[in-house]
């Protein structure tokens, strides 16, 4: 089975997404989290499924994006690795992904 690495920023995104949804509905938050996990497993098996992210910064080249299955308002930003994939961020479609990814590249 391919390896799925999750960056600290992506882990924080997942916690924030879960907490935001759980304020109103913990069961729904669990469903979204499970959908993210299922989508990551599918991406690890077929990394080329995602759309290439257009990046000017060298550290962001090779990133792909793919919507979370069943909850397409969340987008997984990831990179293929020799062993599987690395999840860079999980962001809501209304978030400024370019700004958040650029900030990650600066660190």
Protein backbone atom coordinates (compact mmCIF):
# COMPACT_ATOMS: atom_id res chain seq x y z
CA UNK A 1 0.00 0.00 0.00
CA UNK A 2 1.39 3.44 -0.91
CA UNK A 3 2.48 5.70 1.94
CA UNK A 4 0.50 8.85 2.78
CA UNK A 5 2.52 11.56 4.53
CA UNK A 6 0.66 14.54 6.01
CA UNK A 7 2.47 17.83 6.60
CA UNK A 8 1.88 19.70 9.87
CA UNK A 9 0.00 22.40 7.92
CA UNK A 10 -2.34 19.80 6.39
CA UNK A 11 -2.85 18.19 9.81
CA UNK A 12 -3.81 21.59 11.21
CA UNK A 13 -6.19 22.09 8.27
CA UNK A 14 -7.91 18.79 9.03
CA UNK A 15 -8.27 19.60 12.72
CA UNK A 16 -9.66 23.05 11.88
CA UNK A 17 -12.12 21.64 9.33
CA UNK A 18 -13.32 18.98 11.75
CA UNK A 19 -13.68 21.44 14.64
CA UNK A 20 -15.54 23.99 12.49
CA UNK A 21 -18.10 21.44 11.30
CA UNK A 22 -18.35 19.70 14.70
CA UNK A 23 -19.51 22.93 16.32
CA UNK A 24 -22.87 22.26 14.69
CA UNK A 25 -22.75 18.56 13.86
CA UNK A 26 -20.10 16.14 15.09
CA UNK A 27 -21.42 13.31 12.91
CA UNK A 28 -21.08 15.46 9.79
CA UNK A 29 -17.53 16.41 10.83
CA UNK A 30 -16.65 12.73 11.13
CA UNK A 31 -18.10 12.06 7.66
CA UNK A 32 -16.04 14.85 6.10
CA UNK A 33 -12.89 13.60 7.84
CA UNK A 34 -13.58 10.05 6.59
CA UNK A 35 -14.12 11.38 3.06
CA UNK A 36 -10.75 13.16 3.20
CA UNK A 37 -9.08 9.93 4.31
CA UNK A 38 -10.77 7.92 1.53
CA UNK A 39 -9.77 10.50 -1.06
CA UNK A 40 -6.16 10.43 0.14
CA UNK A 41 -6.07 6.63 -0.16
CA UNK A 42 -7.43 6.88 -3.73
CA UNK A 43 -4.86 9.58 -4.59
CA UNK A 44 -2.02 7.50 -3.16
CA UNK A 45 -3.08 4.62 -5.41
CA UNK A 46 -3.38 6.88 -8.48
CA UNK A 47 -1.43 10.11 -7.89
CA UNK A 48 -1.92 11.40 -11.43
CA UNK A 49 -5.70 11.78 -10.82
CA UNK A 50 -5.23 15.32 -9.56
CA UNK A 51 -4.85 18.46 -11.61
CA UNK A 52 -1.37 19.98 -11.78
CA UNK A 53 -1.08 23.16 -9.70
CA UNK A 54 0.44 26.06 -11.61
CA UNK A 55 3.30 27.31 -9.48
CA UNK A 56 5.97 29.92 -10.03
CA UNK A 57 7.86 29.12 -6.85
CA UNK A 58 10.21 26.15 -7.28
CA UNK A 59 9.19 24.63 -3.91
CA UNK A 60 5.57 24.44 -5.08
CA UNK A 61 6.26 22.71 -8.38
CA UNK A 62 4.90 19.19 -8.61
CA UNK A 63 1.87 19.90 -6.44
CA UNK A 64 -1.45 18.54 -7.63
CA UNK A 65 -4.96 19.23 -6.38
CA UNK A 66 -8.08 17.12 -6.11
CA UNK A 67 -11.50 17.72 -4.52
CA UNK A 68 -12.56 15.61 -1.55
CA UNK A 69 -15.03 12.95 -2.67
CA UNK A 70 -18.62 13.81 -1.68
CA UNK A 71 -17.49 17.13 -0.17
CA UNK A 72 -16.10 18.99 -3.17
CA UNK A 73 -15.81 22.26 -1.22
CA UNK A 74 -12.56 20.94 0.24
CA UNK A 75 -9.50 20.55 -1.95
CA UNK A 76 -6.50 18.34 -1.20
CA UNK A 77 -3.13 19.74 -2.32
CA UNK A 78 -0.55 16.99 -2.55
CA UNK A 79 2.71 15.90 -4.15
CA UNK A 80 3.71 12.48 -5.40
CA UNK A 81 6.66 10.90 -3.55
CA UNK A 82 8.64 7.75 -4.36
CA UNK A 83 6.69 5.86 -1.67
CA UNK A 84 3.24 7.40 -2.25
CA UNK A 85 2.00 10.95 -1.68
CA UNK A 86 2.56 13.89 0.66
CA UNK A 87 -0.52 15.88 1.63
CA UNK A 88 0.52 19.54 1.61
CA UNK A 89 -2.76 21.27 2.55
CA UNK A 90 -6.51 20.58 2.73
CA UNK A 91 -8.33 23.85 2.04
CA UNK A 92 -11.87 25.08 1.53
CA UNK A 93 -12.52 26.31 -2.01
CA UNK A 94 -13.14 29.86 -0.70
CA UNK A 95 -9.72 30.05 0.95
CA UNK A 96 -6.88 31.77 -0.86
CA UNK A 97 -4.87 28.67 -1.73
CA UNK A 98 -2.20 30.57 -3.64
CA UNK A 99 -1.44 32.73 -0.60
CA UNK A 100 -1.45 29.80 1.85
CA UNK A 101 0.73 27.62 -0.36
CA UNK A 102 3.15 30.50 -0.97
CA UNK A 103 3.44 31.03 2.78
CA UNK A 104 4.25 27.32 3.18
CA UNK A 105 6.94 27.61 0.50
CA UNK A 106 8.55 30.54 2.32
CA UNK A 107 9.21 28.41 5.44
